[in-house]
C-alpha cells in the first residue's frame, strides 16, 4: 500500500473513532505530516496536548510522538511508546491505541469503549497479541519491552517470581536466546554500509584509547553509549540510504555532528533554493545543521544550529540557532531519537517558509553568535511562554 493511501486509511479510522466529542481522547487536527491530540485525564479537567510528526519515509521510519505536558505519567507513557515495536503496516493506529489504553491505565481511568473499534481493521494489534512477533512462547519476545492492558496484572513486579523464572530456564533455551541476539546483531550490522561500519569502528577505537590514556576531555560513558546507538540507527535508516540527509562527525568527535540536509518537501520554496545552490567541489547542495552534544545527553538536548547557508525565515535566528521549544530543557525528552529530531528540524524549516539568503557572507553564522541568540530567545520565552501558531498558519 502506498504511503499516501496507508496514512489516509489510518487517519480516517483514527479521526472516526476519536472525534471531537470524545470525552477522553480527541484528535484535534491531522494531516499526512502530523497529528495533534488532546488527552483529558479526568483529574480536575486537566488536558494534555500530544503531537505526532510523520516523516516522508513512513512506514519505514517510525513516527515521532512528543508532548509538552509536565505530568510524570504522560512523560512515562511517551517514553515507553518510543521504545515499543509496532506492526510496520499500521503503526499509527497501534500507537494511538497504545497511548489511549496506557494513559487511561496510568490515571486509573477506564479506556473509552471506542478503542475497540480500532480492531475492526484487520491488523495485528500488539495490545491484544503480546506474542504476535513470533507466536506464543517465541524467543523473539524475551527481550521486548512490554506494556500492560488496564486489566492485566504486572507479574514482573514480583522479584521472587523473576528469580524462579530465571532458574527455570534451561541451558538450551539460554543458548537459543544468545543465538537469536547474535543473529539480530549480525542483521543490524548488515544494514550498515561498509564505509559507515568503518566510521563506527574508528570512533570506538578513538573512544577506547582516550579512556585508556585518561585523555577524555569531554563526554561521559552514558552519553557516548547513547550516541553510538543513535549513530548506528541513523546509518541503518532508509532516509539516509535514500539520500535525504548525511551525517559527518566533525574531527571524528562523537559529540559534534554535521547533518547535511539534501532533500526537503519538493513543493516548498526551500527545495527550489537548494537546487540553485552551487558548490565548487561538485558536492550535492545541502543545508548543514550542527548538533553539539553534552555530557548529560540524552537527558539534556543537543545544541542545534544552521551552519550554512545563511537563511531567512524558517525560525532560524540571526546567529544560526533555531527557535524550537523541543531544543530547550523543558521541551526535550530523553526518549527522542536523533533521527526524529532531524525530521522535526526539516519540518520546522519548511513550515516556517525558510529561504536561502543568496549572496550573504559564508561565515555569517558562528557557534558563539548562535549560542548568544538562543540564550536570549529562551529567556524571552521563559518569561512570556511559547506560542504555537494554529495549523492554518503553517
Protein backbone atom coordinates (compact mmCIF):
# COMPACT_ATOMS: atom_id res chain seq x y z
CA UNK A 1 0.00 0.00 0.00
CA UNK A 2 1.40 3.41 -0.98
CA UNK A 3 2.32 5.84 1.80
CA UNK A 4 -0.47 8.29 0.95
CA UNK A 5 -3.14 5.57 0.84
CA UNK A 6 -1.90 3.98 4.05
CA UNK A 7 -1.84 7.23 6.01
CA UNK A 8 -5.21 8.30 4.62
CA UNK A 9 -6.74 4.99 5.67
CA UNK A 10 -5.25 5.17 9.17
CA UNK A 11 -6.17 8.81 9.73
CA UNK A 12 -9.76 8.22 8.62
CA UNK A 13 -10.10 5.40 11.12
CA UNK A 14 -8.45 7.34 13.95
CA UNK A 15 -10.49 10.50 13.32
CA UNK A 16 -13.69 8.48 13.15
CA UNK A 17 -13.04 6.76 16.47
CA UNK A 18 -11.71 9.78 18.37
CA UNK A 19 -13.85 12.63 17.09
CA UNK A 20 -14.07 15.98 18.89
CA UNK A 21 -16.97 14.85 21.07
CA UNK A 22 -14.97 12.09 22.77
CA UNK A 23 -14.61 12.78 26.48
CA UNK A 24 -11.19 11.16 27.00
CA UNK A 25 -9.07 11.35 23.85
CA UNK A 26 -9.62 13.73 20.95
CA UNK A 27 -7.88 14.12 17.61
CA UNK A 28 -7.77 17.92 17.34
CA UNK A 29 -6.21 18.02 13.88
CA UNK A 30 -4.48 15.64 11.49
CA UNK A 31 -2.66 15.63 8.18
CA UNK A 32 -0.28 13.24 6.37
CA UNK A 33 2.58 15.07 8.15
CA UNK A 34 1.36 15.47 11.72
CA UNK A 35 -1.35 14.72 14.28
CA UNK A 36 -2.40 16.81 17.26
CA UNK A 37 -4.35 15.07 20.06
CA UNK A 38 -5.79 16.04 23.43
CA UNK A 39 -5.91 13.63 26.38
CA UNK A 40 -8.29 14.55 29.24
CA UNK A 41 -7.09 12.87 32.43
CA UNK A 42 -10.30 13.40 34.42
CA UNK A 43 -8.33 14.93 37.33
CA UNK A 44 -9.67 18.45 37.63
CA UNK A 45 -10.29 18.66 33.91
CA UNK A 46 -6.60 18.69 33.04
CA UNK A 47 -5.84 18.40 29.34
CA UNK A 48 -2.55 17.23 27.83
CA UNK A 49 -1.59 18.07 24.25
CA UNK A 50 0.18 15.26 22.40
CA UNK A 51 1.69 15.71 18.94
CA UNK A 52 2.99 13.34 16.31
CA UNK A 53 5.31 14.08 13.38
CA UNK A 54 5.14 11.67 10.41
CA UNK A 55 8.14 11.57 8.08
CA UNK A 56 8.05 11.13 4.32
CA UNK A 57 9.59 7.67 4.70
CA UNK A 58 6.67 6.34 6.80
CA UNK A 59 6.00 3.48 7.49
CA UNK A 60 9.70 2.54 7.29
CA UNK A 61 10.54 5.46 9.60
CA UNK A 62 8.73 5.40 12.93
CA UNK A 63 6.53 8.45 13.68
CA UNK A 64 7.79 10.73 16.48
CA UNK A 65 5.39 11.43 19.35
CA UNK A 66 6.03 14.18 21.88
CA UNK A 67 4.17 16.23 24.47
CA UNK A 68 4.76 19.50 26.28
CA UNK A 69 2.94 18.15 29.33
CA UNK A 70 5.00 18.13 32.54
CA UNK A 71 2.92 15.33 34.07
CA UNK A 72 5.13 12.39 35.06
CA UNK A 73 2.57 9.79 33.89
CA UNK A 74 2.30 11.35 30.44
CA UNK A 75 6.10 11.56 30.19
CA UNK A 76 6.45 7.90 31.18
CA UNK A 77 3.91 6.71 28.61
CA UNK A 78 5.55 8.83 25.88
CA UNK A 79 8.98 7.39 26.68
CA UNK A 80 7.67 3.82 26.70
CA UNK A 81 5.92 4.46 23.39
CA UNK A 82 9.21 5.45 21.76
CA UNK A 83 10.75 2.13 22.81
CA UNK A 84 7.94 -0.10 21.56
CA UNK A 85 8.00 -2.14 18.35
CA UNK A 86 4.80 -1.88 16.31
CA UNK A 87 3.37 -3.57 13.24
CA UNK A 88 5.05 -1.62 10.43
CA UNK A 89 1.89 -1.70 8.30
CA UNK A 90 -0.43 0.14 10.69
CA UNK A 91 1.87 1.87 13.17
CA UNK A 92 -0.27 4.97 13.68
CA UNK A 93 -3.34 3.00 14.71
CA UNK A 94 -1.30 0.78 17.03
CA UNK A 95 0.41 3.81 18.55
CA UNK A 96 -2.82 5.73 19.16
CA UNK A 97 -4.36 2.67 20.77
CA UNK A 98 -1.26 2.28 22.94
CA UNK A 99 -1.48 5.93 24.03
CA UNK A 100 -5.15 5.80 24.95
CA UNK A 101 -5.03 2.48 26.81
CA UNK A 102 -1.86 3.20 28.77
CA UNK A 103 -2.69 6.83 29.60
CA UNK A 104 -6.04 5.72 30.98
CA UNK A 105 -4.29 2.95 32.89
CA UNK A 106 -1.84 5.41 34.47
CA UNK A 107 -4.62 7.78 35.58
CA UNK A 108 -6.88 4.99 36.87
CA UNK A 109 -9.48 5.53 34.16
CA UNK A 110 -11.44 3.12 32.02
CA UNK A 111 -10.38 3.35 28.35
CA UNK A 112 -13.17 4.68 26.14
CA UNK A 113 -15.26 1.99 24.51
CA UNK A 114 -14.35 3.43 21.11
CA UNK A 115 -10.87 1.87 21.45
CA UNK A 116 -12.36 -1.48 20.47
CA UNK A 117 -13.46 -0.02 17.15
CA UNK A 118 -9.82 0.18 16.07
CA UNK A 119 -9.80 -3.60 15.96
CA UNK A 120 -12.34 -3.52 13.15
CA UNK A 121 -9.41 -3.00 10.80
CA UNK A 122 -7.83 -6.40 10.38
CA UNK A 123 -4.43 -5.55 11.78
CA UNK A 124 -2.14 -7.27 14.18
CA UNK A 125 -2.60 -5.12 17.28
CA UNK A 126 0.26 -5.55 19.77
CA UNK A 127 -2.05 -4.63 22.63
CA UNK A 128 -4.14 -7.77 22.33
CA UNK A 129 -1.48 -10.13 20.93
CA UNK A 130 1.67 -9.87 23.05
CA UNK A 131 3.29 -12.79 21.19
CA UNK A 132 2.42 -11.55 17.70
CA UNK A 133 6.03 -11.09 16.66
CA UNK A 134 6.94 -14.72 16.95
CA UNK A 135 3.97 -16.74 18.17
CA UNK A 136 3.26 -17.87 21.72
CA UNK A 137 6.42 -18.58 23.61
CA UNK A 138 8.56 -17.10 20.85
CA UNK A 139 12.13 -16.28 21.82
CA UNK A 140 11.74 -13.00 19.98
CA UNK A 141 9.57 -11.76 22.85
CA UNK A 142 12.02 -12.40 25.68
CA UNK A 143 13.72 -9.05 25.25
CA UNK A 144 10.85 -6.89 24.00
CA UNK A 145 9.59 -4.19 26.30
CA UNK A 146 6.02 -4.97 27.23
CA UNK A 147 3.11 -2.84 28.32
CA UNK A 148 0.01 -3.70 30.25
CA UNK A 149 -3.63 -3.71 29.36
CA UNK A 150 -5.54 -1.77 32.03
CA UNK A 151 -6.95 -5.02 33.43
CA UNK A 152 -3.72 -7.04 33.39
CA UNK A 153 -1.52 -7.61 36.43
CA UNK A 154 2.20 -6.92 36.11
CA UNK A 155 3.75 -10.18 37.27
CA UNK A 156 7.19 -8.68 36.71
CA UNK A 157 6.80 -6.66 39.90
CA UNK A 158 7.24 -9.88 41.88
CA UNK A 159 11.02 -10.25 42.30
CA UNK A 160 10.67 -13.78 43.66
CA UNK A 161 8.79 -14.86 40.55
CA UNK A 162 11.52 -13.32 38.40
CA UNK A 163 14.20 -15.35 40.17
CA UNK A 164 12.15 -18.53 39.82
CA UNK A 165 11.62 -17.85 36.12
CA UNK A 166 15.36 -17.39 35.57
CA UNK A 167 16.20 -20.57 37.41
CA UNK A 168 13.62 -22.48 35.36
CA UNK A 169 15.26 -21.52 32.05
CA UNK A 170 17.30 -24.40 30.68
CA UNK A 171 20.76 -24.10 29.16
CA UNK A 172 19.30 -24.98 25.76
CA UNK A 173 16.82 -22.10 25.94
CA UNK A 174 19.53 -19.69 27.07
CA UNK A 175 21.68 -20.80 24.14
CA UNK A 176 18.80 -20.16 21.75
CA UNK A 177 18.34 -16.69 23.24
CA UNK A 178 22.03 -15.90 22.77
CA UNK A 179 21.90 -17.19 19.20
CA UNK A 180 18.82 -15.05 18.49
CA UNK A 181 20.55 -11.94 19.86
CA UNK A 182 23.68 -12.71 17.85
CA UNK A 183 21.64 -13.12 14.68
CA UNK A 184 19.87 -9.83 15.40
CA UNK A 185 23.23 -8.06 15.81
CA UNK A 186 24.50 -9.53 12.54
CA UNK A 187 21.35 -8.42 10.73
CA UNK A 188 21.69 -4.87 12.07
CA UNK A 189 25.34 -4.78 11.01
CA UNK A 190 24.45 -5.98 7.51
CA UNK A 191 22.10 -2.99 7.17
CA UNK A 192 25.02 -0.57 7.57
CA UNK A 193 27.30 0.21 4.62
CA UNK A 194 30.93 -0.87 4.75
CA UNK A 195 32.04 2.78 4.81
CA UNK A 196 29.87 3.61 7.80
CA UNK A 197 30.95 0.43 9.60
CA UNK A 198 34.50 1.68 9.28
CA UNK A 199 33.46 5.02 10.79
CA UNK A 200 31.87 3.23 13.76
CA UNK A 201 34.97 1.07 14.25
CA UNK A 202 37.21 4.14 14.13
CA UNK A 203 35.09 6.03 16.67
CA UNK A 204 35.07 3.03 19.02
CA UNK A 205 38.86 2.82 18.78
CA UNK A 206 39.28 6.55 19.46
CA UNK A 207 36.93 6.45 22.45
CA UNK A 208 38.68 3.37 23.87
CA UNK A 209 42.15 4.94 23.52
CA UNK A 210 41.03 8.15 25.19
CA UNK A 211 39.64 6.26 28.17
CA UNK A 212 42.76 4.08 28.46
CA UNK A 213 45.07 7.10 28.34
CA UNK A 214 42.84 9.19 30.58
CA UNK A 215 42.67 11.94 27.97
CA UNK A 216 38.89 12.19 27.74
CA UNK A 217 38.28 15.95 27.79
CA UNK A 218 34.54 15.89 27.13
CA UNK A 219 31.64 13.48 27.26
CA UNK A 220 30.55 10.67 29.54
CA UNK A 221 30.12 6.91 29.27
CA UNK A 222 26.35 7.35 29.37
CA UNK A 223 26.32 9.94 26.58
CA UNK A 224 28.87 8.07 24.46
CA UNK A 225 26.89 4.81 24.62
CA UNK A 226 23.66 6.53 23.64
CA UNK A 227 25.32 8.48 20.82
CA UNK A 228 26.84 5.30 19.38
CA UNK A 229 23.38 3.71 19.37
CA UNK A 230 21.90 6.80 17.72
CA UNK A 231 24.63 6.83 15.07
CA UNK A 232 24.08 3.14 14.30
CA UNK A 233 20.32 3.70 14.00
CA UNK A 234 20.89 6.57 11.58
CA UNK A 235 23.31 4.52 9.49
CA UNK A 236 20.58 1.85 9.18
CA UNK A 237 17.79 4.33 8.37
CA UNK A 238 16.09 4.41 4.98
CA UNK A 239 16.18 8.21 4.94
CA UNK A 240 19.98 8.20 4.98
CA UNK A 241 20.19 5.43 2.38
CA UNK A 242 17.80 7.35 0.10
CA UNK A 243 19.99 10.44 0.29
CA UNK A 244 17.61 12.61 2.29
CA UNK A 245 20.49 13.58 4.58
CA UNK A 246 24.01 12.54 5.57
CA UNK A 247 25.97 12.71 8.82
CA UNK A 248 29.60 13.70 9.38
CA UNK A 249 31.41 13.64 12.72
CA UNK A 250 33.45 16.84 12.97
CA UNK A 251 37.09 15.96 13.67
CA UNK A 252 35.95 12.40 14.42
CA UNK A 253 34.17 13.66 17.54
CA UNK A 254 31.14 11.69 18.66
CA UNK A 255 29.88 14.88 20.31
CA UNK A 256 29.97 17.19 17.29
CA UNK A 257 27.87 16.30 14.24
CA UNK A 258 27.21 17.99 10.92
CA UNK A 259 23.98 16.81 9.33
CA UNK A 260 23.66 17.73 5.65
CA UNK A 261 20.01 18.04 4.57
CA UNK A 262 19.78 17.25 0.85
CA UNK A 263 16.06 16.69 0.40
CA UNK A 264 13.08 18.69 1.66
CA UNK A 265 9.43 18.91 0.65
CA UNK A 266 9.55 19.16 -3.19
CA UNK A 267 6.64 21.61 -3.15
CA UNK A 268 8.43 24.08 -0.87
CA UNK A 269 10.36 27.20 -1.93
CA UNK A 270 13.32 25.83 0.04
CA UNK A 271 13.50 22.89 -2.38
CA UNK A 272 13.88 25.29 -5.30
CA UNK A 273 16.54 27.26 -3.41
CA UNK A 274 18.54 24.08 -2.78
CA UNK A 275 18.60 23.35 -6.49
CA UNK A 276 20.07 26.82 -7.14
CA UNK A 277 22.89 26.44 -4.64
CA UNK A 278 26.26 25.93 -6.29
CA UNK A 279 29.18 24.04 -4.81
CA UNK A 280 32.74 24.35 -6.05
CA UNK A 281 33.64 20.73 -5.25
CA UNK A 282 30.67 19.16 -7.03
CA UNK A 283 29.06 18.01 -3.78
CA UNK A 284 25.26 17.92 -3.73
CA UNK A 285 23.89 21.24 -2.34
CA UNK A 286 22.62 20.92 1.20
CA UNK A 287 21.66 22.69 4.40
CA UNK A 288 24.26 21.86 7.05
CA UNK A 289 22.89 21.55 10.58
CA UNK A 290 25.31 21.42 13.51
CA UNK A 291 24.48 19.25 16.54
CA UNK A 292 26.64 19.62 19.66
CA UNK A 293 26.04 17.09 22.44
CA UNK A 294 26.81 17.41 26.15
CA UNK A 295 27.88 15.06 28.94
CA UNK A 296 24.31 14.73 30.20
CA UNK A 297 22.84 13.62 26.86
CA UNK A 298 20.20 12.21 26.34
CA UNK A 299 18.68 13.99 29.35
CA UNK A 300 19.78 17.37 28.01
CA UNK A 301 19.08 18.30 24.37
CA UNK A 302 21.87 18.89 21.87
CA UNK A 303 22.60 22.44 20.84
CA UNK A 304 21.37 22.80 17.26
CA UNK A 305 22.19 25.49 14.73
CA UNK A 306 22.31 26.10 11.00
CA UNK A 307 25.96 26.12 9.87
CA UNK A 308 25.29 27.06 6.24
CA UNK A 309 23.84 28.53 4.09
CA UNK A 310 22.55 31.76 5.61
CA UNK A 311 18.76 31.66 5.73
CA UNK A 312 15.71 33.88 6.05
CA UNK A 313 12.64 32.62 7.90
CA UNK A 314 12.19 29.03 8.98
CA UNK A 315 12.51 30.10 12.64
CA UNK A 316 16.27 30.49 12.10
CA UNK A 317 17.73 33.25 14.30
CA UNK A 318 20.38 35.75 13.25
CA UNK A 319 23.23 33.65 14.62
CA UNK A 320 22.01 30.42 13.03
CA UNK A 321 20.23 28.97 16.09
CA UNK A 322 16.75 27.53 15.57
CA UNK A 323 13.67 28.65 17.50
CA UNK A 324 12.13 25.37 18.70
CA UNK A 325 10.91 24.60 22.21
CA UNK A 326 11.91 20.99 21.50
CA UNK A 327 15.56 22.12 21.73
CA UNK A 328 15.16 23.50 25.28
CA UNK A 329 15.43 21.56 28.52
CA UNK A 330 11.73 21.96 29.24
CA UNK A 331 10.73 20.84 25.74
CA UNK A 332 13.19 17.99 25.36
CA UNK A 333 12.66 14.33 26.29
CA UNK A 334 15.34 11.65 26.60
CA UNK A 335 13.00 9.43 24.58
CA UNK A 336 13.56 11.43 21.38
CA UNK A 337 15.84 9.86 18.79
CA UNK A 338 18.27 11.94 16.76
CA UNK A 339 16.68 10.78 13.52
CA UNK A 340 13.28 12.00 14.75
CA UNK A 341 14.89 15.28 15.75
CA UNK A 342 16.32 15.71 12.25
CA UNK A 343 12.88 15.07 10.76
CA UNK A 344 11.36 17.69 13.07
CA UNK A 345 14.02 20.27 12.18
CA UNK A 346 13.41 19.80 8.46
CA UNK A 347 9.65 20.11 9.01
CA UNK A 348 10.17 23.32 11.02
CA UNK A 349 12.31 24.89 8.28
CA UNK A 350 9.72 24.07 5.62
CA UNK A 351 6.70 25.18 7.67
CA UNK A 352 8.49 28.36 8.65
CA UNK A 353 8.95 29.11 4.93
CA UNK A 354 12.74 29.15 5.18
CA UNK A 355 14.62 30.58 2.19
CA UNK A 356 18.30 30.62 1.31
CA UNK A 357 19.79 34.12 1.55
CA UNK A 358 21.84 34.14 -1.63
CA UNK A 359 24.82 36.46 -1.65
CA UNK A 360 25.20 36.54 2.14
CA UNK A 361 28.76 36.16 3.53
CA UNK A 362 29.59 32.46 4.04
CA UNK A 363 30.76 32.94 7.63
CA UNK A 364 27.74 34.91 8.87
CA UNK A 365 26.84 32.10 11.26
CA UNK A 366 29.16 31.20 14.15
CA UNK A 367 28.75 28.92 17.15
CA UNK A 368 29.20 31.76 19.65
CA UNK A 369 26.62 34.01 17.92
CA UNK A 370 24.17 31.12 17.71
CA UNK A 371 24.51 30.36 21.43
CA UNK A 372 24.05 34.01 22.37
CA UNK A 373 20.91 34.43 20.27
CA UNK A 374 19.43 31.15 21.51
CA UNK A 375 20.12 32.11 25.13
CA UNK A 376 18.26 35.40 24.63
CA UNK A 377 15.40 33.58 22.91
CA UNK A 378 14.98 31.08 25.76
CA UNK A 379 14.98 33.88 28.34
CA UNK A 380 12.21 35.68 26.46
CA UNK A 381 10.08 32.56 26.13
CA UNK A 382 10.58 31.59 29.77
CA UNK A 383 9.07 34.93 30.68
CA UNK A 384 6.29 35.05 28.11
CA UNK A 385 5.71 31.39 27.25
CA UNK A 386 5.96 29.59 23.95
CA UNK A 387 3.43 30.29 21.23
CA UNK A 388 2.41 27.64 18.77
CA UNK A 389 0.68 29.09 15.66
CA UNK A 390 -2.56 27.46 14.52
CA UNK A 391 -2.22 24.77 11.81
CA UNK A 392 -3.63 27.04 9.09
CA UNK A 393 -0.74 29.44 9.65
CA UNK A 394 1.85 26.75 8.91
